[in-house]
Full PDB file with SEQRES, HELIX, SHEET, SSBOND, CRYST1, ORIGX, SCALE, CONECT and MASTER records, all heavy atoms in Angstrom:
SEQRES   1 A   41  ASP ASP ILE THR LEU THR ILE ASN LYS GLY GLU PHE PHE          
SEQRES   2 A   41  THR PHE LEU GLY PRO SER GLY CYS GLY LYS THR THR THR          
SEQRES   3 A   41  LEU ARG ALA LEU VAL GLY PHE LEU SER PRO ALA GLY GLY          
SEQRES   4 A   41  THR ILE                                                      
HELIX    1 AA1 LYS A   23  VAL A   31  1                                   9    
CRYST1    1.000    1.000    1.000  90.00  90.00  90.00 P 1           1          
ORIGX1      1.000000  0.000000  0.000000        0.00000                         
ORIGX2      0.000000  1.000000  0.000000        0.00000                         
ORIGX3      0.000000  0.000000  1.000000        0.00000                         
SCALE1      1.000000  0.000000  0.000000        0.00000                         
SCALE2      0.000000  1.000000  0.000000        0.00000                         
SCALE3      0.000000  0.000000  1.000000        0.00000                         
ATOM      1  N   ASP A   1       0.836  -1.206   0.002  1.00  0.00           N  
ATOM      2  CA  ASP A   1       0.006   0.020  -0.014  1.00  0.00           C  
ATOM      3  C   ASP A   1       0.861   1.257   0.000  1.00  0.00           C  
ATOM      4  O   ASP A   1       1.343   1.685   1.060  1.00  0.00           O  
ATOM      5  CB  ASP A   1      -0.900  -0.010   1.219  1.00  0.00           C  
ATOM      6  CG  ASP A   1      -1.953   1.080   1.197  1.00  0.00           C  
ATOM      7  OD1 ASP A   1      -2.082   1.753   0.161  1.00  0.00           O  
ATOM      8  OD2 ASP A   1      -2.606   1.284   2.238  1.00  0.00           O  
ATOM      9  N   ASP A   2       1.122   1.820  -1.172  1.00  0.00           N  
ATOM     10  CA  ASP A   2       1.739   3.136  -1.326  1.00  0.00           C  
ATOM     11  C   ASP A   2       3.116   3.190  -0.692  1.00  0.00           C  
ATOM     12  O   ASP A   2       3.390   4.057   0.199  1.00  0.00           O  
ATOM     13  CB  ASP A   2       0.798   4.215  -0.793  1.00  0.00           C  
ATOM     14  CG  ASP A   2       1.219   5.593  -1.196  1.00  0.00           C  
ATOM     15  OD1 ASP A   2       1.835   5.744  -2.270  1.00  0.00           O  
ATOM     16  OD2 ASP A   2       0.934   6.569  -0.458  1.00  0.00           O  
ATOM     17  N   ILE A   3       3.998   2.326  -1.112  1.00  0.00           N  
ATOM     18  CA  ILE A   3       5.368   2.345  -0.567  1.00  0.00           C  
ATOM     19  C   ILE A   3       6.276   3.208  -1.404  1.00  0.00           C  
ATOM     20  O   ILE A   3       6.325   3.159  -2.625  1.00  0.00           O  
ATOM     21  CB  ILE A   3       5.940   0.888  -0.527  1.00  0.00           C  
ATOM     22  CG1 ILE A   3       5.393   0.144   0.633  1.00  0.00           C  
ATOM     23  CG2 ILE A   3       7.454   0.906  -0.479  1.00  0.00           C  
ATOM     24  CD1 ILE A   3       5.843  -1.282   0.771  1.00  0.00           C  
ATOM     25  N   THR A   4       7.016   4.091  -0.723  1.00  0.00           N  
ATOM     26  CA  THR A   4       8.057   4.920  -1.343  1.00  0.00           C  
ATOM     27  C   THR A   4       9.365   4.675  -0.607  1.00  0.00           C  
ATOM     28  O   THR A   4       9.408   4.804   0.629  1.00  0.00           O  
ATOM     29  CB  THR A   4       7.695   6.378  -1.304  1.00  0.00           C  
ATOM     30  OG1 THR A   4       6.507   6.600  -2.128  1.00  0.00           O  
ATOM     31  CG2 THR A   4       8.809   7.278  -1.851  1.00  0.00           C  
ATOM     32  N   LEU A   5      10.381   4.337  -1.372  1.00  0.00           N  
ATOM     33  CA  LEU A   5      11.648   3.861  -0.743  1.00  0.00           C  
ATOM     34  C   LEU A   5      12.784   4.033  -1.715  1.00  0.00           C  
ATOM     35  O   LEU A   5      12.644   3.763  -2.931  1.00  0.00           O  
ATOM     36  CB  LEU A   5      11.505   2.390  -0.391  1.00  0.00           C  
ATOM     37  CG  LEU A   5      12.725   1.584  -0.021  1.00  0.00           C  
ATOM     38  CD1 LEU A   5      13.296   2.089   1.294  1.00  0.00           C  
ATOM     39  CD2 LEU A   5      12.351   0.075   0.100  1.00  0.00           C  
ATOM     40  N   THR A   6      13.956   4.478  -1.256  1.00  0.00           N  
ATOM     41  CA  THR A   6      15.142   4.616  -2.056  1.00  0.00           C  
ATOM     42  C   THR A   6      16.256   3.708  -1.515  1.00  0.00           C  
ATOM     43  O   THR A   6      16.519   3.713  -0.335  1.00  0.00           O  
ATOM     44  CB  THR A   6      15.670   6.089  -2.090  1.00  0.00           C  
ATOM     45  OG1 THR A   6      14.642   6.878  -2.729  1.00  0.00           O  
ATOM     46  CG2 THR A   6      16.955   6.153  -2.917  1.00  0.00           C  
ATOM     47  N   ILE A   7      16.887   2.951  -2.391  1.00  0.00           N  
ATOM     48  CA  ILE A   7      18.038   2.114  -2.027  1.00  0.00           C  
ATOM     49  C   ILE A   7      19.269   2.583  -2.769  1.00  0.00           C  
ATOM     50  O   ILE A   7      19.228   2.795  -3.995  1.00  0.00           O  
ATOM     51  CB  ILE A   7      17.731   0.633  -2.386  1.00  0.00           C  
ATOM     52  CG1 ILE A   7      16.526   0.131  -1.546  1.00  0.00           C  
ATOM     53  CG2 ILE A   7      18.956  -0.281  -2.136  1.00  0.00           C  
ATOM     54  CD1 ILE A   7      15.892  -1.118  -2.058  1.00  0.00           C  
ATOM     55  N   ASN A   8      20.315   2.841  -2.065  1.00  0.00           N  
ATOM     56  CA  ASN A   8      21.523   3.445  -2.634  1.00  0.00           C  
ATOM     57  C   ASN A   8      22.420   2.402  -3.337  1.00  0.00           C  
ATOM     58  O   ASN A   8      22.397   1.215  -3.025  1.00  0.00           O  
ATOM     59  CB  ASN A   8      22.327   4.135  -1.527  1.00  0.00           C  
ATOM     60  CG  ASN A   8      21.545   5.224  -0.823  1.00  0.00           C  
ATOM     61  OD1 ASN A   8      20.802   5.968  -1.452  1.00  0.00           O  
ATOM     62  ND2 ASN A   8      21.638   5.237   0.480  1.00  0.00           N  
ATOM     63  N   LYS A   9      23.196   2.876  -4.283  1.00  0.00           N  
ATOM     64  CA  LYS A   9      24.119   2.030  -5.042  1.00  0.00           C  
ATOM     65  C   LYS A   9      25.141   1.378  -4.061  1.00  0.00           C  
ATOM     66  O   LYS A   9      25.728   2.055  -3.203  1.00  0.00           O  
ATOM     67  CB  LYS A   9      24.844   2.842  -6.097  1.00  0.00           C  
ATOM     68  CG  LYS A   9      25.753   2.033  -6.982  1.00  0.00           C  
ATOM     69  CD  LYS A   9      26.385   2.865  -8.089  1.00  0.00           C  
ATOM     70  CE  LYS A   9      27.327   2.057  -8.946  1.00  0.00           C  
ATOM     71  NZ  LYS A   9      26.630   0.949  -9.667  1.00  0.00           N  
ATOM     72  N   GLY A  10      25.330   0.088  -4.229  1.00  0.00           N  
ATOM     73  CA  GLY A  10      26.317  -0.647  -3.424  1.00  0.00           C  
ATOM     74  C   GLY A  10      25.851  -0.972  -2.023  1.00  0.00           C  
ATOM     75  O   GLY A  10      26.565  -1.545  -1.241  1.00  0.00           O  
ATOM     76  N   GLU A  11      24.588  -0.716  -1.682  1.00  0.00           N  
ATOM     77  CA  GLU A  11      24.073  -0.910  -0.357  1.00  0.00           C  
ATOM     78  C   GLU A  11      23.584  -2.318  -0.160  1.00  0.00           C  
ATOM     79  O   GLU A  11      23.099  -2.976  -1.100  1.00  0.00           O  
ATOM     80  CB  GLU A  11      22.885   0.085  -0.143  1.00  0.00           C  
ATOM     81  CG  GLU A  11      22.468   0.247   1.282  1.00  0.00           C  
ATOM     82  CD  GLU A  11      21.494   1.406   1.468  1.00  0.00           C  
ATOM     83  OE1 GLU A  11      20.734   1.713   0.534  1.00  0.00           O  
ATOM     84  OE2 GLU A  11      21.514   1.995   2.559  1.00  0.00           O  
ATOM     85  N   PHE A  12      23.773  -2.846   1.025  1.00  0.00           N  
ATOM     86  CA  PHE A  12      23.163  -4.098   1.411  1.00  0.00           C  
ATOM     87  C   PHE A  12      21.906  -3.741   2.216  1.00  0.00           C  
ATOM     88  O   PHE A  12      21.961  -3.297   3.384  1.00  0.00           O  
ATOM     89  CB  PHE A  12      24.101  -4.929   2.310  1.00  0.00           C  
ATOM     90  CG  PHE A  12      23.703  -6.386   2.422  1.00  0.00           C  
ATOM     91  CD1 PHE A  12      24.522  -7.385   1.919  1.00  0.00           C  
ATOM     92  CD2 PHE A  12      22.486  -6.758   3.000  1.00  0.00           C  
ATOM     93  CE1 PHE A  12      24.160  -8.704   2.012  1.00  0.00           C  
ATOM     94  CE2 PHE A  12      22.116  -8.091   3.084  1.00  0.00           C  
ATOM     95  CZ  PHE A  12      22.974  -9.085   2.610  1.00  0.00           C  
ATOM     96  N   PHE A  13      20.766  -3.852   1.535  1.00  0.00           N  
ATOM     97  CA  PHE A  13      19.518  -3.379   2.088  1.00  0.00           C  
ATOM     98  C   PHE A  13      18.566  -4.539   2.325  1.00  0.00           C  
ATOM     99  O   PHE A  13      18.406  -5.431   1.474  1.00  0.00           O  
ATOM    100  CB  PHE A  13      18.821  -2.430   1.098  1.00  0.00           C  
ATOM    101  CG  PHE A  13      17.731  -1.587   1.671  1.00  0.00           C  
ATOM    102  CD1 PHE A  13      17.966  -0.265   2.089  1.00  0.00           C  
ATOM    103  CD2 PHE A  13      16.460  -2.141   1.925  1.00  0.00           C  
ATOM    104  CE1 PHE A  13      16.940   0.487   2.649  1.00  0.00           C  
ATOM    105  CE2 PHE A  13      15.446  -1.359   2.453  1.00  0.00           C  
ATOM    106  CZ  PHE A  13      15.687  -0.041   2.828  1.00  0.00           C  
ATOM    107  N   THR A  14      17.981  -4.619   3.527  1.00  0.00           N  
ATOM    108  CA  THR A  14      17.153  -5.762   3.906  1.00  0.00           C  
ATOM    109  C   THR A  14      15.686  -5.368   4.069  1.00  0.00           C  
ATOM    110  O   THR A  14      15.355  -4.351   4.721  1.00  0.00           O  
ATOM    111  CB  THR A  14      17.701  -6.373   5.230  1.00  0.00           C  
ATOM    112  OG1 THR A  14      18.959  -6.892   4.950  1.00  0.00           O  
ATOM    113  CG2 THR A  14      16.780  -7.514   5.692  1.00  0.00           C  
ATOM    114  N   PHE A  15      14.791  -6.229   3.540  1.00  0.00           N  
ATOM    115  CA  PHE A  15      13.383  -6.128   3.817  1.00  0.00           C  
ATOM    116  C   PHE A  15      13.081  -7.115   4.940  1.00  0.00           C  
ATOM    117  O   PHE A  15      13.270  -8.319   4.755  1.00  0.00           O  
ATOM    118  CB  PHE A  15      12.516  -6.516   2.578  1.00  0.00           C  
ATOM    119  CG  PHE A  15      12.631  -5.549   1.440  1.00  0.00           C  
ATOM    120  CD1 PHE A  15      12.130  -5.925   0.176  1.00  0.00           C  
ATOM    121  CD2 PHE A  15      13.180  -4.281   1.581  1.00  0.00           C  
ATOM    122  CE1 PHE A  15      12.212  -5.060  -0.913  1.00  0.00           C  
ATOM    123  CE2 PHE A  15      13.228  -3.459   0.522  1.00  0.00           C  
ATOM    124  CZ  PHE A  15      12.766  -3.793  -0.718  1.00  0.00           C  
ATOM    125  N   LEU A  16      12.675  -6.616   6.089  1.00  0.00           N  
ATOM    126  CA  LEU A  16      12.481  -7.461   7.274  1.00  0.00           C  
ATOM    127  C   LEU A  16      11.045  -7.398   7.719  1.00  0.00           C  
ATOM    128  O   LEU A  16      10.440  -6.305   7.755  1.00  0.00           O  
ATOM    129  CB  LEU A  16      13.399  -6.991   8.411  1.00  0.00           C  
ATOM    130  CG  LEU A  16      13.183  -7.604   9.788  1.00  0.00           C  
ATOM    131  CD1 LEU A  16      13.567  -9.074   9.763  1.00  0.00           C  
ATOM    132  CD2 LEU A  16      14.039  -6.887  10.815  1.00  0.00           C  
ATOM    133  N   GLY A  17      10.468  -8.516   8.075  1.00  0.00           N  
ATOM    134  CA  GLY A  17       9.127  -8.559   8.619  1.00  0.00           C  
ATOM    135  C   GLY A  17       8.595  -9.925   8.730  1.00  0.00           C  
ATOM    136  O   GLY A  17       9.195 -10.910   8.252  1.00  0.00           O  
ATOM    137  N   PRO A  18       7.441 -10.122   9.366  1.00  0.00           N  
ATOM    138  CA  PRO A  18       6.836 -11.429   9.498  1.00  0.00           C  
ATOM    139  C   PRO A  18       6.261 -11.950   8.201  1.00  0.00           C  
ATOM    140  O   PRO A  18       6.185 -11.213   7.226  1.00  0.00           O  
ATOM    141  CB  PRO A  18       5.691 -11.185  10.533  1.00  0.00           C  
ATOM    142  CG  PRO A  18       5.351  -9.729  10.339  1.00  0.00           C  
ATOM    143  CD  PRO A  18       6.602  -9.038   9.972  1.00  0.00           C  
ATOM    144  N   SER A  19       5.864 -13.227   8.182  1.00  0.00           N  
ATOM    145  CA  SER A  19       5.304 -13.812   6.972  1.00  0.00           C  
ATOM    146  C   SER A  19       4.054 -13.042   6.562  1.00  0.00           C  
ATOM    147  O   SER A  19       3.255 -12.676   7.437  1.00  0.00           O  
ATOM    148  CB  SER A  19       4.970 -15.266   7.250  1.00  0.00           C  
ATOM    149  OG  SER A  19       6.128 -16.035   7.538  1.00  0.00           O  
ATOM    150  N   GLY A  20       3.942 -12.825   5.271  1.00  0.00           N  
ATOM    151  CA  GLY A  20       2.734 -12.145   4.764  1.00  0.00           C  
ATOM    152  C   GLY A  20       2.695 -10.678   4.867  1.00  0.00           C  
ATOM    153  O   GLY A  20       1.664 -10.028   4.619  1.00  0.00           O  
ATOM    154  N   CYS A  21       3.853 -10.073   5.198  1.00  0.00           N  
ATOM    155  CA  CYS A  21       3.852  -8.590   5.431  1.00  0.00           C  
ATOM    156  C   CYS A  21       4.084  -7.779   4.124  1.00  0.00           C  
ATOM    157  O   CYS A  21       3.932  -6.591   4.127  1.00  0.00           O  
ATOM    158  CB  CYS A  21       4.933  -8.232   6.462  1.00  0.00           C  
ATOM    159  SG  CYS A  21       6.625  -8.522   5.902  1.00  0.00           S  
ATOM    160  N   GLY A  22       4.520  -8.475   3.052  1.00  0.00           N  
ATOM    161  CA  GLY A  22       4.729  -7.801   1.779  1.00  0.00           C  
ATOM    162  C   GLY A  22       6.141  -7.650   1.309  1.00  0.00           C  
ATOM    163  O   GLY A  22       6.430  -7.089   0.240  1.00  0.00           O  
ATOM    164  N   LYS A  23       7.104  -8.138   2.091  1.00  0.00           N  
ATOM    165  CA  LYS A  23       8.520  -7.967   1.744  1.00  0.00           C  
ATOM    166  C   LYS A  23       8.916  -8.679   0.485  1.00  0.00           C  
ATOM    167  O   LYS A  23       9.533  -8.148  -0.415  1.00  0.00           O  
ATOM    168  CB  LYS A  23       9.421  -8.368   2.909  1.00  0.00           C  
ATOM    169  CG  LYS A  23       9.229  -9.762   3.461  1.00  0.00           C  
ATOM    170  CD  LYS A  23      10.005  -9.966   4.727  1.00  0.00           C  
ATOM    171  CE  LYS A  23       9.984 -11.419   5.170  1.00  0.00           C  
ATOM    172  NZ  LYS A  23       8.588 -11.890   5.542  1.00  0.00           N  
ATOM    173  N   THR A  24       8.481  -9.981   0.338  1.00  0.00           N  
ATOM    174  CA  THR A  24       8.782 -10.746  -0.888  1.00  0.00           C  
ATOM    175  C   THR A  24       8.016 -10.227  -2.067  1.00  0.00           C  
ATOM    176  O   THR A  24       8.519 -10.197  -3.177  1.00  0.00           O  
ATOM    177  CB  THR A  24       8.490 -12.232  -0.641  1.00  0.00           C  
ATOM    178  OG1 THR A  24       9.384 -12.763   0.343  1.00  0.00           O  
ATOM    179  CG2 THR A  24       8.680 -13.043  -1.952  1.00  0.00           C  
ATOM    180  N   THR A  25       6.781  -9.777  -1.815  1.00  0.00           N  
ATOM    181  CA  THR A  25       5.986  -9.195  -2.892  1.00  0.00           C  
ATOM    182  C   THR A  25       6.671  -7.950  -3.496  1.00  0.00           C  
ATOM    183  O   THR A  25       6.730  -7.797  -4.710  1.00  0.00           O  
ATOM    184  CB  THR A  25       4.599  -8.775  -2.360  1.00  0.00           C  
ATOM    185  OG1 THR A  25       3.943  -9.978  -1.900  1.00  0.00           O  
ATOM    186  CG2 THR A  25       3.766  -8.158  -3.433  1.00  0.00           C  
ATOM    187  N   THR A  26       7.218  -7.130  -2.638  1.00  0.00           N  
ATOM    188  CA  THR A  26       7.956  -5.938  -3.116  1.00  0.00           C  
ATOM    189  C   THR A  26       9.197  -6.359  -3.933  1.00  0.00           C  
ATOM    190  O   THR A  26       9.478  -5.769  -4.987  1.00  0.00           O  
ATOM    191  CB  THR A  26       8.377  -5.068  -1.914  1.00  0.00           C  
ATOM    192  OG1 THR A  26       7.183  -4.722  -1.168  1.00  0.00           O  
ATOM    193  CG2 THR A  26       9.042  -3.815  -2.408  1.00  0.00           C  
ATOM    194  N   LEU A  27       9.890  -7.356  -3.448  1.00  0.00           N  
ATOM    195  CA  LEU A  27      11.054  -7.836  -4.172  1.00  0.00           C  
ATOM    196  C   LEU A  27      10.710  -8.406  -5.529  1.00  0.00           C  
ATOM    197  O   LEU A  27      11.372  -8.135  -6.560  1.00  0.00           O  
ATOM    198  CB  LEU A  27      11.765  -8.930  -3.335  1.00  0.00           C  
ATOM    199  CG  LEU A  27      13.110  -9.413  -3.852  1.00  0.00           C  
ATOM    200  CD1 LEU A  27      14.221  -8.370  -3.427  1.00  0.00           C  
ATOM    201  CD2 LEU A  27      13.493 -10.772  -3.313  1.00  0.00           C  
ATOM    202  N   ARG A  28       9.615  -9.158  -5.569  1.00  0.00           N  
ATOM    203  CA  ARG A  28       9.169  -9.773  -6.835  1.00  0.00           C  
ATOM    204  C   ARG A  28       8.750  -8.680  -7.843  1.00  0.00           C  
ATOM    205  O   ARG A  28       8.904  -8.847  -9.038  1.00  0.00           O  
ATOM    206  CB  ARG A  28       8.040 -10.770  -6.574  1.00  0.00           C  
ATOM    207  CG  ARG A  28       8.527 -12.020  -5.878  1.00  0.00           C  
ATOM    208  CD  ARG A  28       7.355 -12.905  -5.472  1.00  0.00           C  
ATOM    209  NE  ARG A  28       6.660 -13.440  -6.602  1.00  0.00           N  
ATOM    210  CZ  ARG A  28       6.980 -14.524  -7.277  1.00  0.00           C  
ATOM    211  NH1 ARG A  28       8.015 -15.230  -6.907  1.00  0.00           N  
ATOM    212  NH2 ARG A  28       6.269 -14.946  -8.286  1.00  0.00           N  
ATOM    213  N   ALA A  29       8.205  -7.575  -7.338  1.00  0.00           N  
ATOM    214  CA  ALA A  29       7.839  -6.490  -8.267  1.00  0.00           C  
ATOM    215  C   ALA A  29       9.061  -5.849  -8.842  1.00  0.00           C  
ATOM    216  O   ALA A  29       9.105  -5.455 -10.041  1.00  0.00           O  
ATOM    217  CB  ALA A  29       7.041  -5.457  -7.483  1.00  0.00           C  
ATOM    218  N   LEU A  30      10.167  -5.746  -8.057  1.00  0.00           N  
ATOM    219  CA  LEU A  30      11.438  -5.224  -8.551  1.00  0.00           C  
ATOM    220  C   LEU A  30      11.997  -6.116  -9.641  1.00  0.00           C  
ATOM    221  O   LEU A  30      12.444  -5.616 -10.679  1.00  0.00           O  
ATOM    222  CB  LEU A  30      12.420  -5.058  -7.419  1.00  0.00           C  
ATOM    223  CG  LEU A  30      13.847  -4.678  -7.830  1.00  0.00           C  
ATOM    224  CD1 LEU A  30      13.907  -3.292  -8.457  1.00  0.00           C  
ATOM    225  CD2 LEU A  30      14.798  -4.764  -6.613  1.00  0.00           C  
ATOM    226  N   VAL A  31      11.979  -7.404  -9.399  1.00  0.00           N  
ATOM    227  CA  VAL A  31      12.577  -8.356 -10.342  1.00  0.00           C  
ATOM    228  C   VAL A  31      11.731  -8.382 -11.605  1.00  0.00           C  
ATOM    229  O   VAL A  31      12.287  -8.622 -12.696  1.00  0.00           O  
ATOM    230  CB  VAL A  31      12.648  -9.719  -9.684  1.00  0.00           C  
ATOM    231  CG1 VAL A  31      13.180 -10.794 -10.738  1.00  0.00           C  
ATOM    232  CG2 VAL A  31      13.634  -9.709  -8.521  1.00  0.00           C  
ATOM    233  N   GLY A  32      10.430  -8.144 -11.477  1.00  0.00           N  
ATOM    234  CA  GLY A  32       9.527  -8.144 -12.687  1.00  0.00           C  
ATOM    235  C   GLY A  32       8.571  -9.300 -12.703  1.00  0.00           C  
ATOM    236  O   GLY A  32       7.861  -9.533 -13.691  1.00  0.00           O  
ATOM    237  N   PHE A  33       8.499 -10.070 -11.622  1.00  0.00           N  
ATOM    238  CA  PHE A  33       7.564 -11.231 -11.589  1.00  0.00           C  
ATOM    239  C   PHE A  33       6.131 -10.749 -11.283  1.00  0.00           C  
ATOM    240  O   PHE A  33       5.192 -11.514 -11.549  1.00  0.00           O  
ATOM    241  CB  PHE A  33       7.956 -12.198 -10.466  1.00  0.00           C  
ATOM    242  CG  PHE A  33       9.277 -12.857 -10.670  1.00  0.00           C  
ATOM    243  CD1 PHE A  33      10.077 -13.301  -9.607  1.00  0.00           C  
ATOM    244  CD2 PHE A  33       9.753 -13.093 -11.965  1.00  0.00           C  
ATOM    245  CE1 PHE A  33      11.269 -13.922  -9.812  1.00  0.00           C  
ATOM    246  CE2 PHE A  33      10.995 -13.732 -12.189  1.00  0.00           C  
ATOM    247  CZ  PHE A  33      11.766 -14.127 -11.090  1.00  0.00           C  
ATOM    248  N   LEU A  34       5.950  -9.542 -10.815  1.00  0.00           N  
ATOM    249  CA  LEU A  34       4.662  -8.964 -10.502  1.00  0.00           C  
ATOM    250  C   LEU A  34       4.526  -7.637 -11.127  1.00  0.00           C  
ATOM    251  O   LEU A  34       5.482  -6.866 -11.185  1.00  0.00           O  
ATOM    252  CB  LEU A  34       4.429  -8.823  -8.980  1.00  0.00           C  
ATOM    253  CG  LEU A  34       4.357 -10.095  -8.142  1.00  0.00           C  
ATOM    254  CD1 LEU A  34       4.318  -9.760  -6.673  1.00  0.00           C  
ATOM    255  CD2 LEU A  34       3.180 -10.961  -8.525  1.00  0.00           C  
ATOM    256  N   SER A  35       3.318  -7.287 -11.556  1.00  0.00           N  
ATOM    257  CA  SER A  35       3.052  -5.945 -12.144  1.00  0.00           C  
ATOM    258  C   SER A  35       2.303  -5.129 -11.112  1.00  0.00           C  
ATOM    259  O   SER A  35       1.227  -5.557 -10.620  1.00  0.00           O  
ATOM    260  CB  SER A  35       2.232  -6.073 -13.418  1.00  0.00           C  
ATOM    261  OG  SER A  35       2.945  -6.779 -14.434  1.00  0.00           O  
ATOM    262  N   PRO A  36       2.813  -3.962 -10.754  1.00  0.00           N  
ATOM    263  CA  PRO A  36       2.144  -3.116  -9.744  1.00  0.00           C  
ATOM    264  C   PRO A  36       0.811  -2.621 -10.252  1.00  0.00           C  
ATOM    265  O   PRO A  36       0.585  -2.401 -11.450  1.00  0.00           O  
ATOM    266  CB  PRO A  36       3.126  -1.951  -9.583  1.00  0.00           C  
ATOM    267  CG  PRO A  36       4.422  -2.423 -10.105  1.00  0.00           C  
ATOM    268  CD  PRO A  36       4.120  -3.367 -11.191  1.00  0.00           C  
ATOM    269  N   ALA A  37      -0.112  -2.418  -9.303  1.00  0.00           N  
ATOM    270  CA  ALA A  37      -1.377  -1.789  -9.635  1.00  0.00           C  
ATOM    271  C   ALA A  37      -1.262  -0.286  -9.728  1.00  0.00           C  
ATOM    272  O   ALA A  37      -2.074   0.395 -10.323  1.00  0.00           O  
ATOM    273  CB  ALA A  37      -2.437  -2.170  -8.579  1.00  0.00           C  
ATOM    274  N   GLY A  38      -0.179   0.233  -9.106  1.00  0.00           N  
ATOM    275  CA  GLY A  38       0.104   1.674  -9.148  1.00  0.00           C  
ATOM    276  C   GLY A  38       1.495   1.952  -8.755  1.00  0.00           C  
ATOM    277  O   GLY A  38       2.169   1.141  -8.143  1.00  0.00           O  
ATOM    278  N   GLY A  39       1.998   3.158  -9.120  1.00  0.00           N  
ATOM    279  CA  GLY A  39       3.329   3.527  -8.755  1.00  0.00           C  
ATOM    280  C   GLY A  39       4.353   3.100  -9.753  1.00  0.00           C  
ATOM    281  O   GLY A  39       4.025   2.418 -10.763  1.00  0.00           O  
ATOM    282  N   THR A  40       5.620   3.463  -9.527  1.00  0.00           N  
ATOM    283  CA  THR A  40       6.693   3.104 -10.453  1.00  0.00           C  
ATOM    284  C   THR A  40       7.923   2.601  -9.702  1.00  0.00           C  
ATOM    285  O   THR A  40       8.093   2.852  -8.497  1.00  0.00           O  
ATOM    286  CB  THR A  40       7.108   4.321 -11.281  1.00  0.00           C  
ATOM    287  OG1 THR A  40       7.498   5.399 -10.364  1.00  0.00           O  
ATOM    288  CG2 THR A  40       5.987   4.818 -12.171  1.00  0.00           C  
ATOM    289  N   ILE A  41       8.746   1.879 -10.438  1.00  0.00           N  
ATOM    290  CA  ILE A  41      10.045   1.426  -9.917  1.00  0.00           C  
ATOM    291  C   ILE A  41      11.103   1.911 -10.921  1.00  0.00           C  
ATOM    292  O   ILE A  41      11.025   1.665 -12.118  1.00  0.00           O  
ATOM    293  CB  ILE A  41      10.107  -0.125  -9.810  1.00  0.00           C  
ATOM    294  CG1 ILE A  41       9.010  -0.653  -8.916  1.00  0.00           C  
ATOM    295  CG2 ILE A  41      11.494  -0.545  -9.250  1.00  0.00           C  
ATOM    296  CD1 ILE A  41       8.880  -2.161  -8.942  1.00  0.00           C  
TER     297      ILE A  41                                                      
MASTER        0    0    0    1    0    0    0    6  296    1    0    4          
END                                                                             
């Protein structure tokens, strides 16, 4: 739901949270396995 986030070049950045919180879904959208309903990457 309406995530805005910047990850810097060379950074080790972690998505942390319990199961079902959206962390893997966000990663899959970056890779291209999912198409967002809104927003841009």
